[in-house]
Protein backbone atom coordinates (compact mmCIF):
# COMPACT_ATOMS: atom_id res chain seq x y z
CA MET A 1 188.29 149.10 55.65
CA GLU A 2 191.15 147.69 57.82
CA GLN A 3 190.75 145.23 59.94
CA TYR A 4 191.39 146.40 63.51
CA ILE A 5 192.39 143.53 66.34
CA VAL A 6 190.64 145.72 68.93
CA GLU A 7 187.55 148.89 68.63
CA MET A 8 186.38 150.74 71.62
CA GLU A 9 183.45 153.15 70.91
CA HIS A 10 181.72 155.84 73.30
CA ILE A 11 183.38 154.18 75.91
CA THR A 12 182.02 156.93 79.39
CA LYS A 13 183.63 156.06 82.60
CA GLU A 14 182.86 157.75 85.66
CA PHE A 15 184.09 158.46 89.62
CA PRO A 16 182.81 160.31 92.49
CA GLY A 17 183.49 164.02 91.26
CA VAL A 18 185.25 163.21 87.97
CA LYS A 19 184.23 161.89 84.58
CA ALA A 20 187.49 160.12 83.48
CA LEU A 21 186.42 159.13 79.89
CA ASN A 22 183.88 160.53 78.04
CA ASP A 23 182.57 159.15 74.59
CA VAL A 24 186.24 158.06 73.39
CA GLN A 25 186.80 155.55 70.89
CA PHE A 26 189.89 153.71 70.58
CA SER A 27 191.22 151.79 67.84
CA LEU A 28 194.81 149.34 67.18
CA LYS A 29 195.72 146.64 64.20
CA SER A 30 198.14 143.49 64.80
CA GLY A 31 201.81 144.11 63.65
CA GLU A 32 201.63 147.93 65.09
CA VAL A 33 203.10 150.06 67.50
CA LEU A 34 200.45 153.06 68.75
CA ALA A 35 201.55 155.46 70.32
CA PHE A 36 198.93 156.37 73.19
CA LEU A 37 199.51 160.03 74.45
CA GLY A 38 198.31 162.89 76.00
CA GLU A 39 198.72 164.80 79.26
CA ASN A 40 198.26 163.43 83.00
CA GLY A 41 194.95 163.27 83.86
CA ALA A 42 193.49 162.65 80.14
CA GLY A 43 192.24 159.06 80.66
CA LYS A 44 195.19 157.65 78.79
CA SER A 45 195.14 154.71 81.88
CA THR A 46 191.70 154.37 82.74
CA LEU A 47 190.87 153.47 78.99
CA MET A 48 193.82 150.58 78.74
CA LYS A 49 192.91 149.69 82.51
CA ILE A 50 188.94 149.27 80.60
CA LEU A 51 190.77 147.30 77.91
CA SER A 52 192.39 144.90 80.24
CA GLY A 53 189.56 144.27 82.57
CA VAL A 54 190.70 146.13 85.72
CA TYR A 55 187.79 148.63 85.40
CA THR A 56 184.36 148.02 84.14
CA LYS A 57 183.12 150.74 81.25
CA ASP A 58 179.56 152.83 81.99
CA THR A 59 178.43 152.90 79.02
CA GLY A 60 180.27 151.93 75.12
CA THR A 61 181.48 149.21 73.00
CA ILE A 62 184.61 146.69 72.87
CA LYS A 63 185.64 144.18 70.47
CA VAL A 64 188.66 142.14 70.12
CA GLY A 65 189.01 140.28 66.70
CA GLY A 66 185.38 141.38 65.37
CA GLN A 67 183.65 139.96 69.01
CA VAL A 68 181.85 142.25 71.07
CA ILE A 69 183.01 141.63 74.76
CA ASP A 70 180.30 142.89 77.04
CA ASN A 71 181.53 142.13 80.42
CA MET A 72 185.08 142.08 80.25
CA ASN A 73 187.79 141.33 83.43
CA THR A 74 191.05 140.20 83.89
CA HIS A 75 190.53 136.49 83.45
CA LYS A 76 188.55 137.55 79.94
CA ALA A 77 191.12 139.89 78.75
CA GLN A 78 194.17 137.53 79.54
CA GLU A 79 192.33 134.65 77.45
CA LEU A 80 191.66 137.20 74.47
CA GLY A 81 195.43 137.52 74.88
CA ILE A 82 195.67 141.14 76.64
CA ALA A 83 198.74 141.76 78.66
CA ILE A 84 199.16 144.74 80.27
CA ILE A 85 202.68 146.16 81.69
CA HIS A 86 202.29 149.00 84.61
CA GLN A 87 205.02 151.61 85.29
CA GLU A 88 205.24 150.03 88.66
CA LEU A 89 206.49 146.28 87.76
CA ASN A 90 204.56 144.33 89.57
CA MET A 91 207.01 141.18 90.20
CA CYS A 92 207.86 139.05 93.83
CA SER A 93 211.08 140.05 94.39
CA HIS A 94 211.44 136.72 96.35
CA LEU A 95 211.08 134.55 93.27
CA THR A 96 212.65 133.42 90.41
CA VAL A 97 212.49 134.46 86.93
CA ALA A 98 210.33 131.22 85.76
CA GLU A 99 208.53 131.10 88.87
CA ASN A 100 207.44 135.00 88.38
CA ILE A 101 206.79 134.39 84.81
CA PHE A 102 204.68 131.28 85.54
CA LEU A 103 202.70 132.76 88.51
CA GLY A 104 199.19 132.12 89.16
CA ARG A 105 200.07 129.31 86.12
CA GLU A 106 202.24 127.09 87.80
CA GLU A 107 202.34 123.78 85.89
CA CYS A 108 202.61 120.37 88.56
CA LYS A 109 202.80 117.01 88.36
CA SER A 110 201.38 114.60 90.78
CA GLY A 111 200.68 117.82 93.05
CA VAL A 112 204.24 119.45 92.75
CA LEU A 113 205.80 122.33 91.57
CA ALA A 114 207.25 120.80 87.76
CA ASN A 115 209.52 123.37 88.01
CA LYS A 116 212.35 121.92 85.32
CA GLU A 117 209.15 122.35 82.89
CA MET A 118 209.12 125.48 83.63
CA ASN A 119 212.69 126.70 83.57
CA SER A 120 212.49 125.35 80.33
CA LYS A 121 209.68 126.77 78.93
CA ALA A 122 211.02 130.50 79.92
CA LYS A 123 214.44 129.69 78.86
CA ALA A 124 212.67 129.50 75.42
CA ILE A 125 210.34 132.07 76.00
CA LEU A 126 213.93 134.48 77.07
CA ASP A 127 215.80 132.94 74.38
CA LYS A 128 213.05 133.92 71.53
CA LEU A 129 213.45 137.50 72.41
CA LYS A 130 217.19 137.25 72.27
CA ILE A 131 216.88 137.76 76.28
CA ASP A 132 220.70 136.45 78.19
CA LEU A 133 218.59 135.48 81.78
CA ASP A 134 219.13 132.30 83.49
CA PRO A 135 215.59 131.14 84.47
CA THR A 136 216.89 130.65 88.33
CA THR A 137 217.69 133.96 89.23
CA LEU A 138 216.04 135.45 91.58
CA VAL A 139 214.35 138.03 89.91
CA GLY A 140 214.83 140.27 93.61
CA ASP A 141 219.07 140.39 92.14
CA LEU A 142 218.36 142.06 88.67
CA GLN A 143 218.34 145.17 87.20
CA VAL A 144 214.81 147.39 86.37
CA SER A 145 215.73 146.81 82.80
CA LYS A 146 215.84 142.84 83.34
CA GLN A 147 212.67 142.91 85.72
CA GLN A 148 210.90 144.48 82.52
CA MET A 149 212.50 142.11 80.06
CA VAL A 150 210.83 139.48 82.89
CA GLU A 151 206.99 141.18 82.04
CA ILE A 152 207.61 140.97 78.57
CA ALA A 153 208.44 137.63 78.70
CA LYS A 154 205.37 136.33 81.18
CA ALA A 155 202.83 138.36 78.58
CA LEU A 156 204.00 136.51 75.91
CA SER A 157 203.87 133.20 78.16
CA THR A 158 200.14 133.83 78.03
CA ASN A 159 199.99 134.01 74.13
CA ALA A 160 199.81 138.08 74.91
CA LYS A 161 198.31 139.44 71.25
CA ILE A 162 198.08 142.78 72.75
CA LEU A 163 200.83 144.54 74.77
CA ILE A 164 200.19 147.67 76.25
CA MET A 165 203.23 149.54 78.22
CA ASP A 166 202.87 152.20 80.33
CA GLU A 167 206.08 154.43 80.60
CA PRO A 168 208.57 152.08 79.93
CA THR A 169 211.13 153.36 79.45
CA SER A 170 211.36 155.75 82.68
CA ALA A 171 213.71 153.95 84.96
CA LEU A 172 216.08 152.91 81.88
CA THR A 173 219.52 153.97 81.01
CA SER A 174 219.97 154.68 76.73
CA LYS A 175 221.65 150.94 76.38
CA GLU A 176 218.66 149.08 78.15
CA ILE A 177 216.10 151.67 76.31
CA GLU A 178 217.78 150.34 72.45
CA GLU A 179 217.34 146.95 74.02
CA LEU A 180 214.00 147.63 74.98
CA PHE A 181 213.27 148.97 71.71
CA ARG A 182 214.55 145.77 69.66
CA ILE A 183 212.24 143.94 71.48
CA ILE A 184 209.31 145.75 70.86
CA ARG A 185 210.35 145.77 67.22
CA GLN A 186 210.84 142.01 67.22
CA LEU A 187 207.38 141.66 68.80
CA ARG A 188 205.40 143.66 66.23
CA ASP A 189 207.18 141.80 63.25
CA GLU A 190 205.59 138.89 64.55
CA GLY A 191 202.44 140.77 64.53
CA CYS A 192 201.59 141.79 68.41
CA ALA A 193 199.77 144.73 69.18
CA ILE A 194 201.52 146.92 71.05
CA VAL A 195 200.01 150.14 72.94
CA TYR A 196 202.43 152.38 74.00
CA ILE A 197 202.07 155.42 76.56
CA SER A 198 205.12 157.58 77.10
CA HIS A 199 205.82 161.27 77.73
CA ARG A 200 209.20 160.84 76.53
CA LEU A 201 208.08 162.32 73.12
CA GLU A 202 211.91 162.07 71.54
CA GLU A 203 211.56 158.12 71.64
CA LEU A 204 208.36 157.77 69.63
CA GLN A 205 210.19 158.33 66.25
CA HIS A 206 212.25 154.78 66.93
CA ILE A 207 209.35 153.04 66.95
CA ALA A 208 205.70 154.35 66.52
CA ASP A 209 203.28 153.83 63.82
CA ARG A 210 200.22 155.69 64.56
CA VAL A 211 199.46 157.93 67.37
CA ILE A 212 196.10 158.46 69.39
CA ILE A 213 195.62 161.37 71.66
CA LEU A 214 193.14 162.00 74.43
CA ARG A 215 192.64 165.50 76.12
CA ASP A 216 190.91 165.96 79.15
CA GLY A 217 188.88 162.15 78.77
CA CYS A 218 187.78 163.32 75.20
CA TYR A 219 189.52 161.48 71.78
CA VAL A 220 191.40 164.25 70.15
CA THR A 221 192.61 162.48 66.81
CA SER A 222 194.03 159.72 65.29
CA MET A 223 197.19 159.73 62.76
CA ASN A 224 200.25 157.94 61.50
CA TYR A 225 203.29 159.40 63.11
CA ALA A 226 205.13 160.13 59.66
CA ASP A 227 202.80 162.43 59.11
CA THR A 228 203.20 164.57 62.12
CA ASN A 229 205.81 165.70 63.65
CA LEU A 230 206.53 166.32 67.72
CA ASP A 231 204.81 170.02 68.09
CA GLU A 232 201.81 169.08 66.35
CA ILE A 233 201.84 166.06 68.91
CA VAL A 234 202.33 168.82 71.75
CA SER A 235 199.94 171.15 70.76
CA TYR A 236 197.08 168.59 70.44
CA MET A 237 197.96 166.88 73.78
CA VAL A 238 197.60 170.24 75.74
CA GLY A 239 195.30 172.22 73.41
CA ARG A 240 197.57 174.89 72.34
CA GLU A 241 201.29 175.78 71.29
CA ILE A 242 204.06 174.98 73.71
CA THR A 243 206.28 178.24 72.95
CA GLU A 244 209.36 177.00 75.31
CA LYS A 245 210.09 174.00 76.79
CA PHE A 246 212.45 175.07 78.84
CA PRO A 247 211.02 178.54 80.59
CA ARG A 248 214.21 180.93 81.74
CA VAL A 249 214.11 183.58 84.18
CA TYR A 250 216.86 185.88 84.77
CA CYS A 251 218.29 187.02 88.32
CA GLU A 252 221.78 188.46 89.98
CA ARG A 253 223.40 185.18 91.73
CA GLY A 254 223.42 186.60 95.50
CA LYS A 255 225.35 185.06 98.61
CA LYS A 256 226.39 182.02 99.44
CA ILE A 257 223.68 180.24 100.64
CA PHE A 258 224.15 175.94 101.17
CA GLU A 259 227.96 174.20 100.92
CA VAL A 260 228.88 170.73 100.74
CA LYS A 261 232.38 170.34 101.89
CA ASN A 262 234.18 166.39 100.98
CA LEU A 263 231.44 164.75 101.95
CA ASN A 264 232.12 160.59 101.82
CA ALA A 265 228.75 158.24 102.24
CA GLY A 266 230.01 154.10 100.56
CA ARG A 267 231.70 153.55 97.34
CA MET A 268 229.01 155.90 95.28
CA VAL A 269 229.60 158.89 97.35
CA ARG A 270 233.47 160.20 97.31
CA ASP A 271 234.52 163.47 98.30
CA ILE A 272 231.87 165.51 96.80
CA ASN A 273 231.96 169.32 97.30
CA PHE A 274 230.17 171.90 95.83
CA GLU A 275 228.23 175.20 96.76
CA LEU A 276 224.69 177.03 95.73
CA TYR A 277 223.87 180.15 95.65
CA GLU A 278 221.24 182.32 95.56
CA GLY A 279 219.52 183.38 92.47
CA GLU A 280 220.49 180.30 90.79
CA ILE A 281 219.42 176.58 89.90
CA VAL A 282 222.43 173.92 89.72
CA GLY A 283 221.86 170.36 87.92
CA ILE A 284 223.57 167.80 88.77
CA ALA A 285 224.03 165.37 85.50
CA GLY A 286 225.73 162.29 85.08
CA LEU A 287 224.73 158.52 84.11
CA MET A 288 222.79 155.86 85.75
CA GLY A 289 224.94 154.34 88.88
CA ALA A 290 226.89 157.54 88.40
CA GLY A 291 226.04 158.38 91.99
CA ARG A 292 223.68 161.74 92.32
CA THR A 293 220.63 160.12 94.11
CA GLU A 294 223.05 158.42 96.68
CA THR A 295 224.61 162.32 96.76
CA THR A 296 221.23 163.93 97.61
CA ARG A 297 220.20 160.53 100.19
CA ALA A 298 223.44 161.26 101.95
CA ILE A 299 222.92 165.30 102.05
CA PHE A 300 219.20 164.33 103.32
CA GLY A 301 219.83 161.96 106.07
CA VAL A 302 218.92 159.27 104.23
CA ASP A 303 221.74 156.91 104.77
CA PRO A 304 224.76 157.37 106.67
CA LYS A 305 227.75 159.77 105.97
CA GLU A 306 231.00 158.35 106.47
CA SER A 307 232.84 161.87 106.88
CA GLY A 308 232.19 165.49 105.11
CA GLU A 309 230.20 169.04 106.58
CA ILE A 310 227.46 170.71 105.14
CA ILE A 311 226.83 174.42 105.10
CA LEU A 312 223.96 175.97 105.30
CA ASP A 313 224.15 180.34 105.65
CA GLY A 314 227.69 179.94 106.76
CA LYS A 315 226.94 177.26 109.91
CA GLN A 316 227.78 173.76 110.10
CA VAL A 317 224.65 171.55 110.87
CA LYS A 318 224.95 168.19 111.38
CA ILE A 319 222.87 165.70 109.79
CA GLU A 320 222.65 162.02 110.63
CA LYS A 321 218.25 161.61 109.73
CA PRO A 322 216.15 163.21 107.68
CA MET A 323 214.27 165.14 110.40
CA ASP A 324 217.51 166.67 110.80
CA ALA A 325 218.01 168.19 107.82
CA ILE A 326 214.26 169.32 107.74
CA SER A 327 214.42 170.85 110.84
CA ALA A 328 217.67 172.74 109.49
CA GLY A 329 215.59 173.91 105.99
CA ILE A 330 217.06 171.78 103.95
CA VAL A 331 214.33 169.27 101.95
CA LEU A 332 214.63 166.79 99.14
CA ALA A 333 211.99 166.04 96.25
CA PRO A 334 212.86 162.57 96.09
CA GLU A 335 213.20 160.65 92.66
CA ASP A 336 210.14 158.25 93.66
CA ARG A 337 207.75 159.76 94.77
CA LYS A 338 204.68 157.28 95.24
CA LYS A 339 207.01 155.18 97.26
CA ASP A 340 209.38 157.78 99.43
CA GLY A 341 208.09 161.28 98.94
CA LEU A 342 203.68 161.13 100.17
CA CYS A 343 201.66 158.62 101.70
CA THR A 344 199.47 157.15 98.96
CA LYS A 345 196.39 155.97 101.20
CA LEU A 346 196.28 159.66 102.89
CA SER A 347 195.11 162.37 101.67
CA VAL A 348 196.66 166.02 100.15
CA GLY A 349 195.82 167.79 103.03
CA ASP A 350 197.34 165.30 105.48
CA ASN A 351 200.36 164.75 103.20
CA ILE A 352 201.02 168.52 103.51
CA ALA A 353 200.56 169.07 107.37
CA LEU A 354 202.11 165.40 108.39
CA PRO A 355 206.09 166.69 108.15
CA ASN A 356 204.67 170.41 109.21
CA LEU A 357 203.10 168.95 112.77
CA ASP A 358 205.60 170.82 114.83
CA GLN A 359 204.81 173.80 113.69
CA LEU A 360 200.96 172.76 114.17
CA CYS A 361 200.76 171.58 117.16
CA ASN A 362 200.12 173.28 120.45
CA LYS A 363 202.15 172.66 123.69
CA LEU A 364 200.21 169.92 124.28
CA GLY A 365 200.61 168.32 120.87
CA VAL A 366 196.96 169.23 119.91
CA VAL A 367 196.81 170.05 116.04
CA ASP A 368 195.23 173.23 115.52
CA ARG A 369 192.92 173.34 112.71
CA LYS A 370 192.83 176.47 111.39
CA LYS A 371 196.11 176.68 110.71
CA GLU A 372 196.09 173.43 109.37
CA ALA A 373 193.53 174.11 106.78
CA GLY A 374 195.47 177.62 106.06
CA MET A 375 198.29 175.62 105.57
CA ILE A 376 197.12 173.45 103.28
CA GLU A 377 194.84 176.33 101.28
CA LYS A 378 197.95 178.06 100.32
CA ALA A 379 200.26 175.45 99.06
CA VAL A 380 197.52 174.34 96.87
CA LYS A 381 196.35 177.57 95.66
CA ASN A 382 200.39 178.70 95.32
CA LEU A 383 201.27 175.57 93.46
CA LYS A 384 198.00 175.50 91.62
CA ILE A 385 197.49 171.83 92.17
CA LYS A 386 194.46 170.69 90.51
CA LEU A 387 192.01 168.42 92.96
CA PRO A 388 188.43 168.31 93.30
CA SER A 389 189.54 169.08 97.34
CA ALA A 390 192.54 168.62 99.52
CA SER A 391 190.50 165.37 101.15
CA VAL A 392 191.06 163.16 97.92
CA ASP A 393 194.15 160.33 98.64
CA SER A 394 197.15 162.31 96.77
CA GLY A 395 197.55 158.37 95.22
CA SER A 396 194.91 159.63 93.21
CA LEU A 397 196.72 162.27 91.24
CA SER A 398 198.52 162.79 88.02
CA GLY A 399 201.72 162.19 87.89
CA GLY A 400 202.45 166.55 87.77
CA ASN A 401 200.48 167.24 90.93
CA GLN A 402 201.83 164.88 92.78
CA GLN A 403 205.10 166.23 92.47
CA LYS A 404 203.47 169.69 93.71
CA VAL A 405 201.97 167.89 96.71
CA VAL A 406 205.51 166.97 97.78
CA VAL A 407 206.99 170.52 97.00
CA GLY A 408 204.05 171.78 98.85
CA LYS A 409 204.28 170.40 102.35
CA TRP A 410 208.52 171.46 101.94
CA LEU A 411 207.38 174.96 101.00
CA ALA A 412 205.24 175.35 104.33
CA ARG A 413 207.72 175.17 106.38
CA ASN A 414 209.84 178.10 104.18
CA SER A 415 212.76 175.49 103.32
CA ARG A 416 215.81 177.03 102.27
CA VAL A 417 217.38 174.54 100.16
CA VAL A 418 215.33 172.13 98.08
CA ILE A 419 217.30 169.50 96.68
CA PHE A 420 214.59 167.43 93.18
CA ASP A 421 215.35 164.19 92.17
CA GLU A 422 214.09 163.86 88.97
CA PRO A 423 211.15 166.45 89.51
CA THR A 424 209.61 165.15 85.78
CA ARG A 425 209.69 161.91 85.68
CA GLY A 426 206.43 159.99 83.95
CA ILE A 427 205.30 163.96 84.11
CA ASP A 428 203.54 165.09 80.67
CA VAL A 429 204.94 167.98 78.22
CA ALA A 430 202.96 170.53 79.70
CA ALA A 431 202.87 169.68 83.68
CA LYS A 432 206.66 169.90 82.87
CA VAL A 433 206.52 173.72 82.30
CA GLU A 434 204.44 173.44 85.26
CA ILE A 435 207.12 172.10 87.66
CA TYR A 436 209.93 174.33 85.38
CA ASN A 437 208.42 177.67 86.63
CA LEU A 438 207.67 176.89 90.02
CA ILE A 439 211.21 175.94 90.49
CA ASN A 440 211.93 178.74 88.66
CA GLU A 441 209.85 181.10 91.44
CA LEU A 442 212.19 179.15 94.09
CA LYS A 443 215.23 180.98 92.31
CA LEU A 444 213.63 184.04 92.52
CA GLN A 445 212.39 183.37 96.17
CA GLY A 446 216.52 183.34 97.09
CA ILE A 447 215.88 179.21 97.61
CA GLY A 448 219.08 177.42 96.79
CA VAL A 449 217.82 174.79 94.10
CA MET A 450 219.74 171.33 93.23
CA ILE A 451 218.15 169.24 90.68
CA VAL A 452 219.02 165.53 89.69
CA SER A 453 217.94 164.71 86.03
CA SER A 454 219.12 161.62 83.52
CA GLU A 455 217.47 163.54 80.88
CA MET A 456 220.17 165.67 79.47
CA PRO A 457 218.07 168.61 77.62
CA GLU A 458 216.07 168.98 80.99
CA VAL A 459 219.64 169.78 82.98
CA MET A 460 220.92 172.13 80.26
CA GLY A 461 217.50 174.11 79.38
CA ILE A 462 216.71 174.50 83.90
CA SER A 463 220.40 175.12 85.16
CA ASP A 464 222.39 178.01 85.21
CA ARG A 465 225.33 175.80 86.11
CA ILE A 466 225.86 172.38 85.55
CA ILE A 467 227.60 169.19 87.86
CA VAL A 468 228.75 166.73 86.32
CA MET A 469 228.96 163.01 88.15
CA CYS A 470 231.03 159.95 87.63
CA ASP A 471 231.33 156.68 89.43
CA GLY A 472 230.83 158.18 92.75
CA ARG A 473 233.03 161.73 92.16
CA ILE A 474 232.34 165.07 90.57
CA THR A 475 234.07 164.94 87.28
CA GLY A 476 232.98 168.77 86.21
CA GLU A 477 231.37 171.68 86.49
CA LEU A 478 229.85 174.18 83.64
CA MET A 479 227.88 177.07 82.93
CA ALA A 480 224.59 176.34 81.42
CA GLU A 481 225.40 178.98 78.46
CA GLU A 482 228.11 176.89 77.43
CA ALA A 483 227.84 173.73 78.12
CA THR A 484 227.39 171.27 75.40
CA GLN A 485 226.54 167.83 75.33
CA ASP A 486 229.64 166.24 74.37
CA GLN A 487 231.21 168.35 77.26
CA ILE A 488 229.04 167.11 79.24
CA LEU A 489 229.29 163.55 78.19
CA LYS A 490 232.80 163.60 78.44
CA TYR A 491 232.64 164.35 82.23
CA ALA A 492 230.06 161.97 82.43
CA THR A 493 232.01 158.29 81.05
CA GLN A 494 235.24 160.21 82.83
CA PHE A 495 235.72 156.71 84.67
CA GLU A 496 238.84 156.73 87.40
CA LYS A 497 241.95 154.27 85.58
CA LYS A 498 242.09 151.22 87.82
CA LEU A 499 244.52 147.90 88.47
CA ALA A 500 243.07 144.76 86.45
């Protein structure tokens, strides 16, 4: 019988109105990378929070190193060598790399912080991982990828034997992902057990040894990665075969809805010109740092413009702040939906109503509750948002349903142009198809749709026309049916020749 470092059996967990886990089993071996998969809301994060002591199980048993653990908590989990790196990195940006690594476990001499010793130990851990970082650098000055490396170093500084990684590549470039995979393989070879949670299934071929799949809070299957394929994994995750990853709808291209002329906004938005038409979806492609998100922020009025014109339905509109764009009918579903797109502590209903108070209030500023309830009910029904009631906090929803709430609040005001920035980041494969179908519905309704995505297959699969950016400029434009990844990449690396 194989020896497991972690064994979880008959685990159940209920929250008010929701059974998050139902008789789930889970096992993990030392020196393996386990891909832990399932749709948003399948129960993956809940189970890992139970293992790491954040949540308490209702029933079931947990064994770590063969020992039954009755009252798991975060302190005990750390003692047992369990560490979790969350999708939203939990770093103190005003502290140094070393200070973050030893946060809560600071070393002191005579009541004074032993910074020299902590810097030296942090450097030794970073060197072991072949991470070129100065331990005295402020974490706030680091790229997200480097901050993630600091999180891994922090985990190893606690002598972690079990490392849980939740969507670790969602904000990384291809080169940064390769570096992360190198570190994962190194840790595996040194005997560390790694739980890898990701919706980017194509990544698994590079690191995964075994797969465990949950669906709707229940255990589905476990198998060696070498013995399966992506189609089989997807069918286990969603309970059915996904026949079309990028559903398309076809309609005639109509009149010009939207035009951006000579837009400039800082170094990353330089002389941007493009048009949107009824009945088409325009994708914006490019490498990280190309200026795509900055362009959407400038259009929406988040960042100040230096020059340029924005024309909607043949008329120039002046946008100095987001409210100007919203009033004109130009809206943005931002890259970071939790930080910029939702008030996660407010209910789903409040999030839908909040940007539409101008339509819901009477002349005295009093909200028409009947009108508000109708707007919320229509949004939830039309977008098929899965939730027990519109009174639940939006932060408790799965990624796909959160994205639908972001879109729902804008569609409630009959917006003319909808801009999506990374619409499927952190969303499972079935929820992605739902988002694509939603985008196609907007297209059929004659709404101008623009999509920014770092996933090239997504841009090519859902767009009708593709605009490519590099170094703050538009460097190419292609019709989707004739576009290839090589062509897009060529335009995406078309940097200006600059004097040394």
